[in-house]
């Protein structure tokens, strides 16, 4: 990511600042759980490389701390983790966007099954 010149573009820098201001420089995922963390990164909920058409969409961008951002991606493969997929699914439901088939598959977690971002027994 740091080596990608796209992140140095003036267009990205402007939208990044807009997102951080919108979110008042707080980690919005931590805020969801009543915690306060400073945000330093703007995360693409739909990954930029897979969905370039959403790269500058405000609804696809969220302010996160570095720690939370690292929890959203597998840093070896750069694929979304379960936490990142959960955020993507929640965003889809909120904005009435169809969840991409890639992120619809069921995953077992303990005795429960995750389907469409919800846990089922």
PDB file of N, CA and C in Angstrom:
ATOM      1  N   UNK A   1       0.816  -1.184   0.000  1.00  0.00           N
ATOM      2  CA  UNK A   1       0.000   0.000   0.000  1.00  0.00           C
ATOM      3  C   UNK A   1       0.866   1.256   0.000  1.00  0.00           C
ATOM      4  N   UNK A   2       1.870   1.300   0.855  1.00  0.00           N
ATOM      5  CA  UNK A   2       2.699   2.499   0.951  1.00  0.00           C
ATOM      6  C   UNK A   2       3.463   2.770  -0.338  1.00  0.00           C
ATOM      7  N   UNK A   3       3.731   1.726  -1.096  1.00  0.00           N
ATOM      8  CA  UNK A   3       4.472   1.894  -2.346  1.00  0.00           C
ATOM      9  C   UNK A   3       3.576   2.240  -3.523  1.00  0.00           C
ATOM     10  N   UNK A   4       2.275   2.219  -3.321  1.00  0.00           N
ATOM     11  CA  UNK A   4       1.327   2.490  -4.396  1.00  0.00           C
ATOM     12  C   UNK A   4       1.205   4.004  -4.592  1.00  0.00           C
ATOM     13  N   UNK A   5       1.621   4.517  -5.754  1.00  0.00           N
ATOM     14  CA  UNK A   5       1.559   5.972  -5.986  1.00  0.00           C
ATOM     15  C   UNK A   5       0.135   6.524  -5.965  1.00  0.00           C
ATOM     16  N   UNK A   6      -0.856   5.664  -6.140  1.00  0.00           N
ATOM     17  CA  UNK A   6      -2.253   6.095  -6.090  1.00  0.00           C
ATOM     18  C   UNK A   6      -2.555   6.811  -4.774  1.00  0.00           C
ATOM     19  N   UNK A   7      -1.971   6.296  -3.688  1.00  0.00           N
ATOM     20  CA  UNK A   7      -2.223   6.879  -2.366  1.00  0.00           C
ATOM     21  C   UNK A   7      -1.541   8.224  -2.167  1.00  0.00           C
ATOM     22  N   UNK A   8      -0.701   8.631  -3.105  1.00  0.00           N
ATOM     23  CA  UNK A   8      -0.049   9.943  -3.037  1.00  0.00           C
ATOM     24  C   UNK A   8      -0.743  10.972  -3.927  1.00  0.00           C
ATOM     25  N   UNK A   9      -1.763  10.545  -4.666  1.00  0.00           N
ATOM     26  CA  UNK A   9      -2.443  11.457  -5.589  1.00  0.00           C
ATOM     27  C   UNK A   9      -3.197  12.541  -4.822  1.00  0.00           C
ATOM     28  N   UNK A  10      -3.302  13.700  -5.415  1.00  0.00           N
ATOM     29  CA  UNK A  10      -3.991  14.811  -4.750  1.00  0.00           C
ATOM     30  C   UNK A  10      -5.474  14.495  -4.562  1.00  0.00           C
ATOM     31  N   UNK A  11      -6.082  13.785  -5.513  1.00  0.00           N
ATOM     32  CA  UNK A  11      -7.494  13.425  -5.380  1.00  0.00           C
ATOM     33  C   UNK A  11      -7.705  12.542  -4.152  1.00  0.00           C
ATOM     34  N   UNK A  12      -6.846  11.527  -3.971  1.00  0.00           N
ATOM     35  CA  UNK A  12      -6.963  10.661  -2.803  1.00  0.00           C
ATOM     36  C   UNK A  12      -6.707  11.440  -1.518  1.00  0.00           C
ATOM     37  N   UNK A  13      -5.700  12.276  -1.510  1.00  0.00           N
ATOM     38  CA  UNK A  13      -5.370  13.036  -0.301  1.00  0.00           C
ATOM     39  C   UNK A  13      -6.554  13.926   0.124  1.00  0.00           C
ATOM     40  N   UNK A  14      -7.232  14.514  -0.857  1.00  0.00           N
ATOM     41  CA  UNK A  14      -8.399  15.358  -0.540  1.00  0.00           C
ATOM     42  C   UNK A  14      -9.542  14.528   0.045  1.00  0.00           C
ATOM     43  N   UNK A  15      -9.850  13.410  -0.582  1.00  0.00           N
ATOM     44  CA  UNK A  15     -10.971  12.603  -0.092  1.00  0.00           C
ATOM     45  C   UNK A  15     -10.634  11.958   1.247  1.00  0.00           C
ATOM     46  N   UNK A  16      -9.386  11.589   1.425  1.00  0.00           N
ATOM     47  CA  UNK A  16      -8.941  11.026   2.705  1.00  0.00           C
ATOM     48  C   UNK A  16      -9.189  12.027   3.831  1.00  0.00           C
ATOM     49  N   UNK A  17      -8.824  13.291   3.606  1.00  0.00           N
ATOM     50  CA  UNK A  17      -9.054  14.328   4.609  1.00  0.00           C
ATOM     51  C   UNK A  17     -10.543  14.528   4.871  1.00  0.00           C
ATOM     52  N   UNK A  18     -11.357  14.479   3.828  1.00  0.00           N
ATOM     53  CA  UNK A  18     -12.812  14.618   4.003  1.00  0.00           C
ATOM     54  C   UNK A  18     -13.364  13.508   4.882  1.00  0.00           C
ATOM     55  N   UNK A  19     -12.891  12.280   4.670  1.00  0.00           N
ATOM     56  CA  UNK A  19     -13.374  11.133   5.456  1.00  0.00           C
ATOM     57  C   UNK A  19     -12.928  11.269   6.908  1.00  0.00           C
ATOM     58  N   UNK A  20     -11.669  11.607   7.126  1.00  0.00           N
ATOM     59  CA  UNK A  20     -11.183  11.773   8.500  1.00  0.00           C
ATOM     60  C   UNK A  20     -11.961  12.875   9.224  1.00  0.00           C
ATOM     61  N   UNK A  21     -12.218  13.985   8.536  1.00  0.00           N
ATOM     62  CA  UNK A  21     -13.020  15.063   9.150  1.00  0.00           C
ATOM     63  C   UNK A  21     -14.442  14.606   9.433  1.00  0.00           C
ATOM     64  N   UNK A  22     -15.052  13.913   8.466  1.00  0.00           N
ATOM     65  CA  UNK A  22     -16.416  13.404   8.647  1.00  0.00           C
ATOM     66  C   UNK A  22     -16.510  12.538   9.899  1.00  0.00           C
ATOM     67  N   UNK A  23     -15.493  11.688  10.098  1.00  0.00           N
ATOM     68  CA  UNK A  23     -15.486  10.755  11.220  1.00  0.00           C
ATOM     69  C   UNK A  23     -14.826  11.350  12.473  1.00  0.00           C
ATOM     70  N   UNK A  24     -14.526  12.643  12.411  1.00  0.00           N
ATOM     71  CA  UNK A  24     -13.923  13.378  13.534  1.00  0.00           C
ATOM     72  C   UNK A  24     -12.630  12.737  14.032  1.00  0.00           C
ATOM     73  N   UNK A  25     -11.898  12.124  13.099  1.00  0.00           N
ATOM     74  CA  UNK A  25     -10.595  11.507  13.372  1.00  0.00           C
ATOM     75  C   UNK A  25     -10.678  10.367  14.393  1.00  0.00           C
ATOM     76  N   UNK A  26     -11.850   9.722  14.475  1.00  0.00           N
ATOM     77  CA  UNK A  26     -12.027   8.578  15.369  1.00  0.00           C
ATOM     78  C   UNK A  26     -12.122   7.292  14.570  1.00  0.00           C
ATOM     79  N   UNK A  27     -11.650   6.217  15.174  1.00  0.00           N
ATOM     80  CA  UNK A  27     -11.784   4.873  14.618  1.00  0.00           C
ATOM     81  C   UNK A  27     -13.260   4.504  14.733  1.00  0.00           C
ATOM     82  N   UNK A  28     -13.930   4.413  13.602  1.00  0.00           N
ATOM     83  CA  UNK A  28     -15.374   4.190  13.603  1.00  0.00           C
ATOM     84  C   UNK A  28     -15.757   2.760  13.984  1.00  0.00           C
ATOM     85  N   UNK A  29     -14.881   1.816  13.792  1.00  0.00           N
ATOM     86  CA  UNK A  29     -15.158   0.441  14.209  1.00  0.00           C
ATOM     87  C   UNK A  29     -15.069   0.344  15.731  1.00  0.00           C
ATOM     88  N   UNK A  30     -14.086   1.002  16.335  1.00  0.00           N
ATOM     89  CA  UNK A  30     -13.970   1.019  17.796  1.00  0.00           C
ATOM     90  C   UNK A  30     -15.166   1.760  18.400  1.00  0.00           C
ATOM     91  N   UNK A  31     -15.566   2.847  17.754  1.00  0.00           N
ATOM     92  CA  UNK A  31     -16.707   3.636  18.243  1.00  0.00           C
ATOM     93  C   UNK A  31     -17.971   2.784  18.306  1.00  0.00           C
ATOM     94  N   UNK A  32     -18.095   1.878  17.373  1.00  0.00           N
ATOM     95  CA  UNK A  32     -19.241   0.967  17.345  1.00  0.00           C
ATOM     96  C   UNK A  32     -19.367   0.175  18.645  1.00  0.00           C
ATOM     97  N   UNK A  33     -18.249  -0.056  19.309  1.00  0.00           N
ATOM     98  CA  UNK A  33     -18.227  -0.804  20.565  1.00  0.00           C
ATOM     99  C   UNK A  33     -18.058   0.109  21.780  1.00  0.00           C
ATOM    100  N   UNK A  34     -18.268   1.415  21.579  1.00  0.00           N
ATOM    101  CA  UNK A  34     -18.194   2.365  22.685  1.00  0.00           C
ATOM    102  C   UNK A  34     -16.787   2.730  23.103  1.00  0.00           C
ATOM    103  N   UNK A  35     -15.809   2.439  22.258  1.00  0.00           N
ATOM    104  CA  UNK A  35     -14.413   2.751  22.577  1.00  0.00           C
ATOM    105  C   UNK A  35     -13.979   3.971  21.778  1.00  0.00           C
ATOM    106  N   UNK A  36     -13.017   4.683  22.297  1.00  0.00           N
ATOM    107  CA  UNK A  36     -12.491   5.854  21.615  1.00  0.00           C
ATOM    108  C   UNK A  36     -11.041   5.590  21.227  1.00  0.00           C
ATOM    109  N   UNK A  37     -10.782   5.619  19.923  1.00  0.00           N
ATOM    110  CA  UNK A  37      -9.422   5.462  19.391  1.00  0.00           C
ATOM    111  C   UNK A  37      -9.236   6.491  18.297  1.00  0.00           C
ATOM    112  N   UNK A  38      -8.057   7.038  18.221  1.00  0.00           N
ATOM    113  CA  UNK A  38      -7.730   7.975  17.139  1.00  0.00           C
ATOM    114  C   UNK A  38      -7.578   7.213  15.826  1.00  0.00           C
ATOM    115  N   UNK A  39      -8.105   7.782  14.768  1.00  0.00           N
ATOM    116  CA  UNK A  39      -7.969   7.184  13.439  1.00  0.00           C
ATOM    117  C   UNK A  39      -6.803   7.840  12.718  1.00  0.00           C
ATOM    118  N   UNK A  40      -6.093   7.044  11.953  1.00  0.00           N
ATOM    119  CA  UNK A  40      -4.997   7.574  11.151  1.00  0.00           C
ATOM    120  C   UNK A  40      -5.029   7.042   9.726  1.00  0.00           C
ATOM    121  N   UNK A  41      -5.924   6.086   9.482  1.00  0.00           N
ATOM    122  CA  UNK A  41      -5.996   5.448   8.175  1.00  0.00           C
ATOM    123  C   UNK A  41      -7.434   5.507   7.665  1.00  0.00           C
ATOM    124  N   UNK A  42      -7.573   5.686   6.362  1.00  0.00           N
ATOM    125  CA  UNK A  42      -8.886   5.591   5.726  1.00  0.00           C
ATOM    126  C   UNK A  42      -8.909   4.277   4.961  1.00  0.00           C
ATOM    127  N   UNK A  43      -9.852   3.437   5.331  1.00  0.00           N
ATOM    128  CA  UNK A  43      -9.966   2.067   4.810  1.00  0.00           C
ATOM    129  C   UNK A  43     -11.018   1.998   3.711  1.00  0.00           C
ATOM    130  N   UNK A  44     -10.703   1.264   2.638  1.00  0.00           N
ATOM    131  CA  UNK A  44     -11.677   0.954   1.594  1.00  0.00           C
ATOM    132  C   UNK A  44     -12.430  -0.301   2.021  1.00  0.00           C
ATOM    133  N   UNK A  45     -13.708  -0.186   2.281  1.00  0.00           N
ATOM    134  CA  UNK A  45     -14.516  -1.329   2.709  1.00  0.00           C
ATOM    135  C   UNK A  45     -14.567  -2.367   1.590  1.00  0.00           C
ATOM    136  N   UNK A  46     -14.908  -1.934   0.378  1.00  0.00           N
ATOM    137  CA  UNK A  46     -14.750  -2.765  -0.812  1.00  0.00           C
ATOM    138  C   UNK A  46     -13.321  -2.499  -1.283  1.00  0.00           C
ATOM    139  N   UNK A  47     -12.437  -3.493  -1.253  1.00  0.00           N
ATOM    140  CA  UNK A  47     -11.030  -3.250  -1.589  1.00  0.00           C
ATOM    141  C   UNK A  47     -10.846  -2.521  -2.922  1.00  0.00           C
ATOM    142  N   UNK A  48      -9.999  -1.520  -2.906  1.00  0.00           N
ATOM    143  CA  UNK A  48      -9.745  -0.666  -4.078  1.00  0.00           C
ATOM    144  C   UNK A  48      -9.288  -1.461  -5.289  1.00  0.00           C
ATOM    145  N   UNK A  49      -8.442  -2.429  -5.093  1.00  0.00           N
ATOM    146  CA  UNK A  49      -7.923  -3.200  -6.229  1.00  0.00           C
ATOM    147  C   UNK A  49      -8.988  -4.079  -6.880  1.00  0.00           C
ATOM    148  N   UNK A  50      -9.934  -4.572  -6.099  1.00  0.00           N
ATOM    149  CA  UNK A  50     -11.004  -5.413  -6.632  1.00  0.00           C
ATOM    150  C   UNK A  50     -12.174  -4.596  -7.167  1.00  0.00           C
ATOM    151  N   UNK A  51     -12.428  -3.450  -6.549  1.00  0.00           N
ATOM    152  CA  UNK A  51     -13.590  -2.621  -6.894  1.00  0.00           C
ATOM    153  C   UNK A  51     -13.156  -1.172  -7.111  1.00  0.00           C
ATOM    154  N   UNK A  52     -12.382  -0.905  -8.160  1.00  0.00           N
ATOM    155  CA  UNK A  52     -11.884   0.458  -8.381  1.00  0.00           C
ATOM    156  C   UNK A  52     -13.011   1.479  -8.585  1.00  0.00           C
ATOM    157  N   UNK A  53     -14.183   1.018  -9.000  1.00  0.00           N
ATOM    158  CA  UNK A  53     -15.305   1.934  -9.206  1.00  0.00           C
ATOM    159  C   UNK A  53     -15.802   2.544  -7.891  1.00  0.00           C
ATOM    160  N   UNK A  54     -15.454   1.936  -6.759  1.00  0.00           N
ATOM    161  CA  UNK A  54     -15.867   2.453  -5.446  1.00  0.00           C
ATOM    162  C   UNK A  54     -14.736   3.171  -4.714  1.00  0.00           C
ATOM    163  N   UNK A  55     -13.597   3.333  -5.339  1.00  0.00           N
ATOM    164  CA  UNK A  55     -12.400   3.852  -4.660  1.00  0.00           C
ATOM    165  C   UNK A  55     -12.596   5.219  -4.022  1.00  0.00           C
ATOM    166  N   UNK A  56     -13.415   6.069  -4.623  1.00  0.00           N
ATOM    167  CA  UNK A  56     -13.601   7.429  -4.100  1.00  0.00           C
ATOM    168  C   UNK A  56     -14.992   7.652  -3.511  1.00  0.00           C
ATOM    169  N   UNK A  57     -15.771   6.599  -3.358  1.00  0.00           N
ATOM    170  CA  UNK A  57     -17.123   6.740  -2.821  1.00  0.00           C
ATOM    171  C   UNK A  57     -17.061   6.907  -1.299  1.00  0.00           C
ATOM    172  N   UNK A  58     -17.682   7.949  -0.799  1.00  0.00           N
ATOM    173  CA  UNK A  58     -17.635   8.230   0.637  1.00  0.00           C
ATOM    174  C   UNK A  58     -18.216   7.078   1.467  1.00  0.00           C
ATOM    175  N   UNK A  59     -19.265   6.424   0.975  1.00  0.00           N
ATOM    176  CA  UNK A  59     -19.870   5.336   1.731  1.00  0.00           C
ATOM    177  C   UNK A  59     -18.937   4.127   1.819  1.00  0.00           C
ATOM    178  N   UNK A  60     -17.940   4.045   0.945  1.00  0.00           N
ATOM    179  CA  UNK A  60     -17.007   2.923   0.934  1.00  0.00           C
ATOM    180  C   UNK A  60     -15.747   3.200   1.754  1.00  0.00           C
ATOM    181  N   UNK A  61     -15.684   4.331   2.398  1.00  0.00           N
ATOM    182  CA  UNK A  61     -14.483   4.735   3.136  1.00  0.00           C
ATOM    183  C   UNK A  61     -14.812   4.941   4.598  1.00  0.00           C
ATOM    184  N   UNK A  62     -13.909   4.480   5.459  1.00  0.00           N
ATOM    185  CA  UNK A  62     -14.128   4.582   6.893  1.00  0.00           C
ATOM    186  C   UNK A  62     -12.789   4.860   7.574  1.00  0.00           C
ATOM    187  N   UNK A  63     -12.821   5.693   8.602  1.00  0.00           N
ATOM    188  CA  UNK A  63     -11.613   6.018   9.366  1.00  0.00           C
ATOM    189  C   UNK A  63     -11.357   4.922  10.393  1.00  0.00           C
ATOM    190  N   UNK A  64     -10.099   4.472  10.448  1.00  0.00           N
ATOM    191  CA  UNK A  64      -9.708   3.417  11.384  1.00  0.00           C
ATOM    192  C   UNK A  64      -8.342   3.712  11.983  1.00  0.00           C
ATOM    193  N   UNK A  65      -8.091   3.137  13.142  1.00  0.00           N
ATOM    194  CA  UNK A  65      -6.736   3.172  13.699  1.00  0.00           C
ATOM    195  C   UNK A  65      -5.893   2.171  12.918  1.00  0.00           C
ATOM    196  N   UNK A  66      -4.601   2.281  13.035  1.00  0.00           N
ATOM    197  CA  UNK A  66      -3.714   1.341  12.338  1.00  0.00           C
ATOM    198  C   UNK A  66      -3.971  -0.092  12.809  1.00  0.00           C
ATOM    199  N   UNK A  67      -4.164  -0.275  14.110  1.00  0.00           N
ATOM    200  CA  UNK A  67      -4.410  -1.618  14.668  1.00  0.00           C
ATOM    201  C   UNK A  67      -5.700  -2.205  14.093  1.00  0.00           C
ATOM    202  N   UNK A  68      -6.773  -1.426  14.085  1.00  0.00           N
ATOM    203  CA  UNK A  68      -8.045  -1.922  13.552  1.00  0.00           C
ATOM    204  C   UNK A  68      -7.919  -2.207  12.068  1.00  0.00           C
ATOM    205  N   UNK A  69      -7.216  -1.333  11.345  1.00  0.00           N
ATOM    206  CA  UNK A  69      -7.042  -1.549   9.909  1.00  0.00           C
ATOM    207  C   UNK A  69      -6.304  -2.856   9.642  1.00  0.00           C
ATOM    208  N   UNK A  70      -5.295  -3.150  10.435  1.00  0.00           N
ATOM    209  CA  UNK A  70      -4.557  -4.402  10.256  1.00  0.00           C
ATOM    210  C   UNK A  70      -5.419  -5.624  10.569  1.00  0.00           C
ATOM    211  N   UNK A  71      -6.468  -5.444  11.371  1.00  0.00           N
ATOM    212  CA  UNK A  71      -7.391  -6.538  11.665  1.00  0.00           C
ATOM    213  C   UNK A  71      -8.365  -6.784  10.511  1.00  0.00           C
ATOM    214  N   UNK A  72      -8.480  -5.826   9.606  1.00  0.00           N
ATOM    215  CA  UNK A  72      -9.402  -5.946   8.470  1.00  0.00           C
ATOM    216  C   UNK A  72      -8.789  -6.718   7.301  1.00  0.00           C
ATOM    217  N   UNK A  73      -7.468  -6.828   7.260  1.00  0.00           N
ATOM    218  CA  UNK A  73      -6.755  -7.468   6.143  1.00  0.00           C
ATOM    219  C   UNK A  73      -5.815  -8.537   6.655  1.00  0.00           C
ATOM    220  N   UNK A  74      -5.695  -9.614   5.897  1.00  0.00           N
ATOM    221  CA  UNK A  74      -4.619 -10.568   6.117  1.00  0.00           C
ATOM    222  C   UNK A  74      -3.401  -9.932   5.453  1.00  0.00           C
ATOM    223  N   UNK A  75      -2.406  -9.578   6.196  1.00  0.00           N
ATOM    224  CA  UNK A  75      -1.274  -8.838   5.658  1.00  0.00           C
ATOM    225  C   UNK A  75      -0.371  -9.667   4.754  1.00  0.00           C
ATOM    226  N   UNK A  76      -0.515 -10.986   4.771  1.00  0.00           N
ATOM    227  CA  UNK A  76       0.266 -11.818   3.852  1.00  0.00           C
ATOM    228  C   UNK A  76      -0.386 -11.875   2.471  1.00  0.00           C
ATOM    229  N   UNK A  77      -1.717 -12.007   2.450  1.00  0.00           N
ATOM    230  CA  UNK A  77      -2.423 -12.152   1.181  1.00  0.00           C
ATOM    231  C   UNK A  77      -3.149 -10.867   0.762  1.00  0.00           C
ATOM    232  N   UNK A  78      -3.309  -9.942   1.671  1.00  0.00           N
ATOM    233  CA  UNK A  78      -4.055  -8.698   1.490  1.00  0.00           C
ATOM    234  C   UNK A  78      -5.548  -8.943   1.262  1.00  0.00           C
ATOM    235  N   UNK A  79      -6.009 -10.161   1.523  1.00  0.00           N
ATOM    236  CA  UNK A  79      -7.443 -10.475   1.461  1.00  0.00           C
ATOM    237  C   UNK A  79      -8.116  -9.938   2.724  1.00  0.00           C
ATOM    238  N   UNK A  80      -9.417  -9.700   2.636  1.00  0.00           N
ATOM    239  CA  UNK A  80     -10.157  -9.279   3.811  1.00  0.00           C
ATOM    240  C   UNK A  80     -10.236 -10.430   4.807  1.00  0.00           C
ATOM    241  N   UNK A  81     -10.132 -10.096   6.097  1.00  0.00           N
ATOM    242  CA  UNK A  81     -10.328 -11.075   7.153  1.00  0.00           C
ATOM    243  C   UNK A  81     -11.824 -11.188   7.417  1.00  0.00           C
ATOM    244  N   UNK A  82     -12.211 -12.057   8.335  1.00  0.00           N
ATOM    245  CA  UNK A  82     -13.631 -12.168   8.696  1.00  0.00           C
ATOM    246  C   UNK A  82     -14.158 -10.821   9.185  1.00  0.00           C
ATOM    247  N   UNK A  83     -13.336 -10.097   9.916  1.00  0.00           N
ATOM    248  CA  UNK A  83     -13.754  -8.782  10.414  1.00  0.00           C
ATOM    249  C   UNK A  83     -13.972  -7.807   9.248  1.00  0.00           C
ATOM    250  N   UNK A  84     -13.100  -7.848   8.268  1.00  0.00           N
ATOM    251  CA  UNK A  84     -13.253  -6.993   7.097  1.00  0.00           C
ATOM    252  C   UNK A  84     -14.472  -7.376   6.262  1.00  0.00           C
ATOM    253  N   UNK A  85     -14.714  -8.667   6.154  1.00  0.00           N
ATOM    254  CA  UNK A  85     -15.883  -9.145   5.416  1.00  0.00           C
ATOM    255  C   UNK A  85     -17.162  -8.758   6.141  1.00  0.00           C
ATOM    256  N   UNK A  86     -17.146  -8.846   7.464  1.00  0.00           N
ATOM    257  CA  UNK A  86     -18.315  -8.445   8.245  1.00  0.00           C
ATOM    258  C   UNK A  86     -18.640  -6.972   8.004  1.00  0.00           C
ATOM    259  N   UNK A  87     -17.621  -6.122   7.992  1.00  0.00           N
ATOM    260  CA  UNK A  87     -17.832  -4.694   7.719  1.00  0.00           C
ATOM    261  C   UNK A  87     -18.390  -4.498   6.312  1.00  0.00           C
ATOM    262  N   UNK A  88     -17.868  -5.225   5.352  1.00  0.00           N
ATOM    263  CA  UNK A  88     -18.364  -5.128   3.977  1.00  0.00           C
ATOM    264  C   UNK A  88     -19.837  -5.540   3.911  1.00  0.00           C
ATOM    265  N   UNK A  89     -20.190  -6.621   4.565  1.00  0.00           N
ATOM    266  CA  UNK A  89     -21.584  -7.079   4.552  1.00  0.00           C
ATOM    267  C   UNK A  89     -22.513  -6.067   5.228  1.00  0.00           C
ATOM    268  N   UNK A  90     -22.084  -5.534   6.363  1.00  0.00           N
ATOM    269  CA  UNK A  90     -22.901  -4.523   7.054  1.00  0.00           C
ATOM    270  C   UNK A  90     -23.101  -3.292   6.174  1.00  0.00           C
ATOM    271  N   UNK A  91     -22.058  -2.905   5.469  1.00  0.00           N
ATOM    272  CA  UNK A  91     -22.139  -1.742   4.575  1.00  0.00           C
ATOM    273  C   UNK A  91     -23.125  -2.029   3.441  1.00  0.00           C
ATOM    274  N   UNK A  92     -23.063  -3.227   2.895  1.00  0.00           N
ATOM    275  CA  UNK A  92     -23.995  -3.602   1.823  1.00  0.00           C
ATOM    276  C   UNK A  92     -25.435  -3.511   2.311  1.00  0.00           C
ATOM    277  N   UNK A  93     -25.697  -4.064   3.486  1.00  0.00           N
ATOM    278  CA  UNK A  93     -27.062  -4.021   4.015  1.00  0.00           C
ATOM    279  C   UNK A  93     -27.507  -2.582   4.255  1.00  0.00           C
ATOM    280  N   UNK A  94     -26.620  -1.761   4.791  1.00  0.00           N
ATOM    281  CA  UNK A  94     -26.969  -0.370   5.102  1.00  0.00           C
ATOM    282  C   UNK A  94     -27.332   0.418   3.849  1.00  0.00           C
ATOM    283  N   UNK A  95     -26.611   0.192   2.763  1.00  0.00           N
ATOM    284  CA  UNK A  95     -26.809   0.979   1.546  1.00  0.00           C
ATOM    285  C   UNK A  95     -27.579   0.239   0.449  1.00  0.00           C
ATOM    286  N   UNK A  96     -28.103  -0.943   0.773  1.00  0.00           N
ATOM    287  CA  UNK A  96     -28.899  -1.687  -0.193  1.00  0.00           C
ATOM    288  C   UNK A  96     -28.108  -2.177  -1.391  1.00  0.00           C
ATOM    289  N   UNK A  97     -26.851  -2.520  -1.162  1.00  0.00           N
ATOM    290  CA  UNK A  97     -25.974  -3.023  -2.218  1.00  0.00           C
ATOM    291  C   UNK A  97     -25.933  -4.544  -2.119  1.00  0.00           C
ATOM    292  N   UNK A  98     -25.971  -5.199  -3.252  1.00  0.00           N
ATOM    293  CA  UNK A  98     -25.888  -6.650  -3.249  1.00  0.00           C
ATOM    294  C   UNK A  98     -24.509  -7.087  -2.761  1.00  0.00           C
ATOM    295  N   UNK A  99     -24.507  -8.034  -1.841  1.00  0.00           N
ATOM    296  CA  UNK A  99     -23.237  -8.549  -1.323  1.00  0.00           C
ATOM    297  C   UNK A  99     -22.587  -9.392  -2.413  1.00  0.00           C
ATOM    298  N   UNK A 100     -21.337  -9.098  -2.769  1.00  0.00           N
ATOM    299  CA  UNK A 100     -20.656  -9.891  -3.801  1.00  0.00           C
ATOM    300  C   UNK A 100     -20.629 -11.377  -3.433  1.00  0.00           C
ATOM    301  N   UNK A 101     -20.824 -12.235  -4.417  1.00  0.00           N
ATOM    302  CA  UNK A 101     -20.881 -13.689  -4.188  1.00  0.00           C
ATOM    303  C   UNK A 101     -19.659 -14.190  -3.433  1.00  0.00           C
ATOM    304  N   UNK A 102     -18.529 -13.575  -3.703  1.00  0.00           N
ATOM    305  CA  UNK A 102     -17.281 -13.976  -3.045  1.00  0.00           C
ATOM    306  C   UNK A 102     -17.401 -13.914  -1.523  1.00  0.00           C
ATOM    307  N   UNK A 103     -18.246 -13.003  -1.032  1.00  0.00           N
ATOM    308  CA  UNK A 103     -18.374 -12.786   0.408  1.00  0.00           C
ATOM    309  C   UNK A 103     -19.664 -13.344   0.987  1.00  0.00           C
ATOM    310  N   UNK A 104     -20.389 -14.156   0.220  1.00  0.00           N
ATOM    311  CA  UNK A 104     -21.640 -14.735   0.696  1.00  0.00           C
ATOM    312  C   UNK A 104     -21.486 -16.105   1.324  1.00  0.00           C
ATOM    313  N   UNK A 105     -20.404 -16.782   1.061  1.00  0.00           N
ATOM    314  CA  UNK A 105     -20.290 -18.161   1.523  1.00  0.00           C
ATOM    315  C   UNK A 105     -20.362 -18.242   3.045  1.00  0.00           C
ATOM    316  N   UNK A 106     -20.885 -19.369   3.504  1.00  0.00           N
ATOM    317  CA  UNK A 106     -21.036 -19.589   4.934  1.00  0.00           C
ATOM    318  C   UNK A 106     -19.698 -20.019   5.522  1.00  0.00           C
ATOM    319  N   UNK A 107     -19.434 -19.559   6.718  1.00  0.00           N
ATOM    320  CA  UNK A 107     -18.216 -19.967   7.405  1.00  0.00           C
ATOM    321  C   UNK A 107     -18.598 -20.418   8.803  1.00  0.00           C
ATOM    322  N   UNK A 108     -18.007 -21.521   9.229  1.00  0.00           N
ATOM    323  CA  UNK A 108     -18.284 -22.003  10.576  1.00  0.00           C
ATOM    324  C   UNK A 108     -17.372 -21.279  11.551  1.00  0.00           C
ATOM    325  N   UNK A 109     -17.946 -20.902  12.660  1.00  0.00           N
ATOM    326  CA  UNK A 109     -17.173 -20.296  13.739  1.00  0.00           C
ATOM    327  C   UNK A 109     -17.660 -20.963  15.016  1.00  0.00           C
ATOM    328  N   UNK A 110     -16.880 -21.903  15.505  1.00  0.00           N
ATOM    329  CA  UNK A 110     -17.328 -22.682  16.648  1.00  0.00           C
ATOM    330  C   UNK A 110     -18.505 -23.534  16.226  1.00  0.00           C
ATOM    331  N   UNK A 111     -19.597 -23.475  16.987  1.00  0.00           N
ATOM    332  CA  UNK A 111     -20.796 -24.245  16.672  1.00  0.00           C
ATOM    333  C   UNK A 111     -21.773 -23.445  15.832  1.00  0.00           C
ATOM    334  N   UNK A 112     -21.436 -22.207  15.534  1.00  0.00           N
ATOM    335  CA  UNK A 112     -22.352 -21.341  14.805  1.00  0.00           C
ATOM    336  C   UNK A 112     -21.886 -21.175  13.369  1.00  0.00           C
ATOM    337  N   UNK A 113     -22.809 -20.812  12.506  1.00  0.00           N
ATOM    338  CA  UNK A 113     -22.495 -20.564  11.103  1.00  0.00           C
ATOM    339  C   UNK A 113     -22.731 -19.092  10.818  1.00  0.00           C
ATOM    340  N   UNK A 114     -21.760 -18.472  10.173  1.00  0.00           N
ATOM    341  CA  UNK A 114     -21.926 -17.088   9.747  1.00  0.00           C
ATOM    342  C   UNK A 114     -22.543 -17.115   8.357  1.00  0.00           C
ATOM    343  N   UNK A 115     -23.657 -16.412   8.185  1.00  0.00           N
ATOM    344  CA  UNK A 115     -24.270 -16.305   6.872  1.00  0.00           C
ATOM    345  C   UNK A 115     -24.755 -14.868   6.722  1.00  0.00           C
ATOM    346  N   UNK A 116     -24.279 -14.210   5.709  1.00  0.00           N
ATOM    347  CA  UNK A 116     -24.676 -12.823   5.449  1.00  0.00           C
ATOM    348  C   UNK A 116     -24.371 -11.925   6.651  1.00  0.00           C
ATOM    349  N   UNK A 117     -23.273 -12.211   7.343  1.00  0.00           N
ATOM    350  CA  UNK A 117     -22.851 -11.348   8.442  1.00  0.00           C
ATOM    351  C   UNK A 117     -23.525 -11.630   9.762  1.00  0.00           C
ATOM    352  N   UNK A 118     -24.440 -12.625   9.817  1.00  0.00           N
ATOM    353  CA  UNK A 118     -25.126 -12.959  11.056  1.00  0.00           C
ATOM    354  C   UNK A 118     -24.733 -14.358  11.498  1.00  0.00           C
ATOM    355  N   UNK A 119     -24.805 -14.599  12.806  1.00  0.00           N
ATOM    356  CA  UNK A 119     -24.502 -15.919  13.348  1.00  0.00           C
ATOM    357  C   UNK A 119     -25.781 -16.720  13.536  1.00  0.00           C
ATOM    358  N   UNK A 120     -25.756 -17.979  13.124  1.00  0.00           N
ATOM    359  CA  UNK A 120     -26.898 -18.864  13.256  1.00  0.00           C
ATOM    360  C   UNK A 120     -26.452 -20.120  13.997  1.00  0.00           C
ATOM    361  N   UNK A 121     -27.303 -20.654  14.882  1.00  0.00           N
ATOM    362  CA  UNK A 121     -27.011 -21.914  15.566  1.00  0.00           C
ATOM    363  C   UNK A 121     -27.307 -23.090  14.677  1.00  0.00           C
TER     364      UNK A 121
END
